[in-house]
Amino acid sequence: MIAALQVILAINSLLLIVLVLLHKGKGGGLSDLFGGGMSSSLGGSSVAERNLDRITIALALIWVTSIVVLGLLLKTA
């Protein structure tokens, strides 16, 4: 059970990194450093951005839950 949660946590962490990097920069900060401040027609529509937000939030909730459960399992083991 612990090994499965660790694998889920590792995969989920990598997916969260990718999804956060896919988000469109809102201006300022590090997003301007990599060209996020430039307006481009290559960016997705607002529907795509909302779906990306929903997927990111769902994965973040799974990530937090798996950390809590893994911590409880390791505490009792």
C-alpha atoms as a PDB file:
ATOM      1  CA  MET A   1       0.000   0.000   0.000  1.00  0.00           C
ATOM      2  CA  ILE A   2       2.810   2.397   0.895  1.00  0.00           C
ATOM      3  CA  ALA A   3       4.720   1.638  -2.306  1.00  0.00           C
ATOM      4  CA  ALA A   4       1.608   2.227  -4.419  1.00  0.00           C
ATOM      5  CA  LEU A   5       0.996   5.583  -2.728  1.00  0.00           C
ATOM      6  CA  GLN A   6       4.608   6.589  -3.298  1.00  0.00           C
ATOM      7  CA  VAL A   7       4.300   5.782  -7.012  1.00  0.00           C
ATOM      8  CA  ILE A   8       1.021   7.721  -7.238  1.00  0.00           C
ATOM      9  CA  LEU A   9       2.641  10.652  -5.445  1.00  0.00           C
ATOM     10  CA  ALA A  10       5.660  10.679  -7.774  1.00  0.00           C
ATOM     11  CA  ILE A  11       3.555  10.527 -10.946  1.00  0.00           C
ATOM     12  CA  ASN A  12       1.148  13.107  -9.609  1.00  0.00           C
ATOM     13  CA  SER A  13       4.015  15.444  -8.713  1.00  0.00           C
ATOM     14  CA  LEU A  14       5.428  15.286 -12.229  1.00  0.00           C
ATOM     15  CA  LEU A  15       2.001  15.906 -13.766  1.00  0.00           C
ATOM     16  CA  LEU A  16       1.448  18.900 -11.484  1.00  0.00           C
ATOM     17  CA  ILE A  17       4.771  20.410 -12.523  1.00  0.00           C
ATOM     18  CA  VAL A  18       3.864  20.061 -16.198  1.00  0.00           C
ATOM     19  CA  LEU A  19       0.358  21.471 -15.728  1.00  0.00           C
ATOM     20  CA  VAL A  20       1.548  24.468 -13.737  1.00  0.00           C
ATOM     21  CA  LEU A  21       4.105  25.251 -16.426  1.00  0.00           C
ATOM     22  CA  LEU A  22       1.378  25.052 -19.091  1.00  0.00           C
ATOM     23  CA  HIS A  23      -0.647  27.819 -17.455  1.00  0.00           C
ATOM     24  CA  LYS A  24      -0.675  31.160 -19.201  1.00  0.00           C
ATOM     25  CA  GLY A  25       1.229  33.880 -17.378  1.00  0.00           C
ATOM     26  CA  LYS A  26      -0.874  36.702 -15.972  1.00  0.00           C
ATOM     27  CA  GLY A  27       1.902  39.250 -16.387  1.00  0.00           C
ATOM     28  CA  GLY A  28       4.838  40.106 -14.190  1.00  0.00           C
ATOM     29  CA  GLY A  29       7.066  37.708 -12.347  1.00  0.00           C
ATOM     30  CA  LEU A  30       8.979  34.874 -13.891  1.00  0.00           C
ATOM     31  CA  SER A  31       6.437  34.296 -16.652  1.00  0.00           C
ATOM     32  CA  ASP A  32       7.716  37.421 -18.442  1.00  0.00           C
ATOM     33  CA  LEU A  33      11.231  36.025 -18.371  1.00  0.00           C
ATOM     34  CA  PHE A  34      10.219  33.130 -20.621  1.00  0.00           C
ATOM     35  CA  GLY A  35       8.008  35.135 -22.958  1.00  0.00           C
ATOM     36  CA  GLY A  36       4.789  34.878 -20.973  1.00  0.00           C
ATOM     37  CA  GLY A  37       4.261  38.628 -21.189  1.00  0.00           C
ATOM     38  CA  MET A  38       3.998  38.611 -24.974  1.00  0.00           C
ATOM     39  CA  SER A  39       0.487  38.446 -26.337  1.00  0.00           C
ATOM     40  CA  SER A  40       0.199  35.636 -28.810  1.00  0.00           C
ATOM     41  CA  SER A  41      -2.616  33.971 -30.678  1.00  0.00           C
ATOM     42  CA  LEU A  42      -1.055  30.588 -29.928  1.00  0.00           C
ATOM     43  CA  GLY A  43      -2.571  30.555 -26.435  1.00  0.00           C
ATOM     44  CA  GLY A  44      -5.685  28.533 -25.806  1.00  0.00           C
ATOM     45  CA  SER A  45      -9.190  29.828 -25.456  1.00  0.00           C
ATOM     46  CA  SER A  46     -10.794  30.598 -22.141  1.00  0.00           C
ATOM     47  CA  VAL A  47     -12.483  27.188 -22.154  1.00  0.00           C
ATOM     48  CA  ALA A  48      -9.127  25.454 -22.477  1.00  0.00           C
ATOM     49  CA  GLU A  49      -7.716  27.582 -19.670  1.00  0.00           C
ATOM     50  CA  ARG A  50     -10.663  26.738 -17.415  1.00  0.00           C
ATOM     51  CA  ASN A  51     -10.266  23.027 -18.148  1.00  0.00           C
ATOM     52  CA  LEU A  52      -6.555  23.274 -17.391  1.00  0.00           C
ATOM     53  CA  ASP A  53      -7.420  24.971 -14.087  1.00  0.00           C
ATOM     54  CA  ARG A  54      -9.895  22.222 -13.190  1.00  0.00           C
ATOM     55  CA  ILE A  55      -7.442  19.446 -13.984  1.00  0.00           C
ATOM     56  CA  THR A  56      -4.704  21.176 -11.992  1.00  0.00           C
ATOM     57  CA  ILE A  57      -6.974  21.630  -8.966  1.00  0.00           C
ATOM     58  CA  ALA A  58      -8.112  17.997  -9.116  1.00  0.00           C
ATOM     59  CA  LEU A  59      -4.517  16.752  -9.282  1.00  0.00           C
ATOM     60  CA  ALA A  60      -3.529  19.072  -6.435  1.00  0.00           C
ATOM     61  CA  LEU A  61      -6.292  17.619  -4.260  1.00  0.00           C
ATOM     62  CA  ILE A  62      -5.155  14.075  -5.088  1.00  0.00           C
ATOM     63  CA  TRP A  63      -1.571  15.120  -4.291  1.00  0.00           C
ATOM     64  CA  VAL A  64      -2.488  16.554  -0.885  1.00  0.00           C
ATOM     65  CA  THR A  65      -4.670  13.564  -0.038  1.00  0.00           C
ATOM     66  CA  SER A  66      -1.953  11.080  -0.960  1.00  0.00           C
ATOM     67  CA  ILE A  67       0.582  12.955   1.181  1.00  0.00           C
ATOM     68  CA  VAL A  68      -1.744  12.935   4.201  1.00  0.00           C
ATOM     69  CA  VAL A  69      -2.611   9.246   3.796  1.00  0.00           C
ATOM     70  CA  LEU A  70       1.049   8.313   3.237  1.00  0.00           C
ATOM     71  CA  GLY A  71       2.046  10.267   6.340  1.00  0.00           C
ATOM     72  CA  LEU A  72      -0.591   8.508   8.437  1.00  0.00           C
ATOM     73  CA  LEU A  73       0.451   5.105   7.114  1.00  0.00           C
ATOM     74  CA  LEU A  74       4.114   5.756   7.812  1.00  0.00           C
ATOM     75  CA  LYS A  75       3.322   7.050  11.306  1.00  0.00           C
ATOM     76  CA  THR A  76       1.483   3.857  12.239  1.00  0.00           C
ATOM     77  CA  ALA A  77       3.986   1.522  10.570  1.00  0.00           C
END
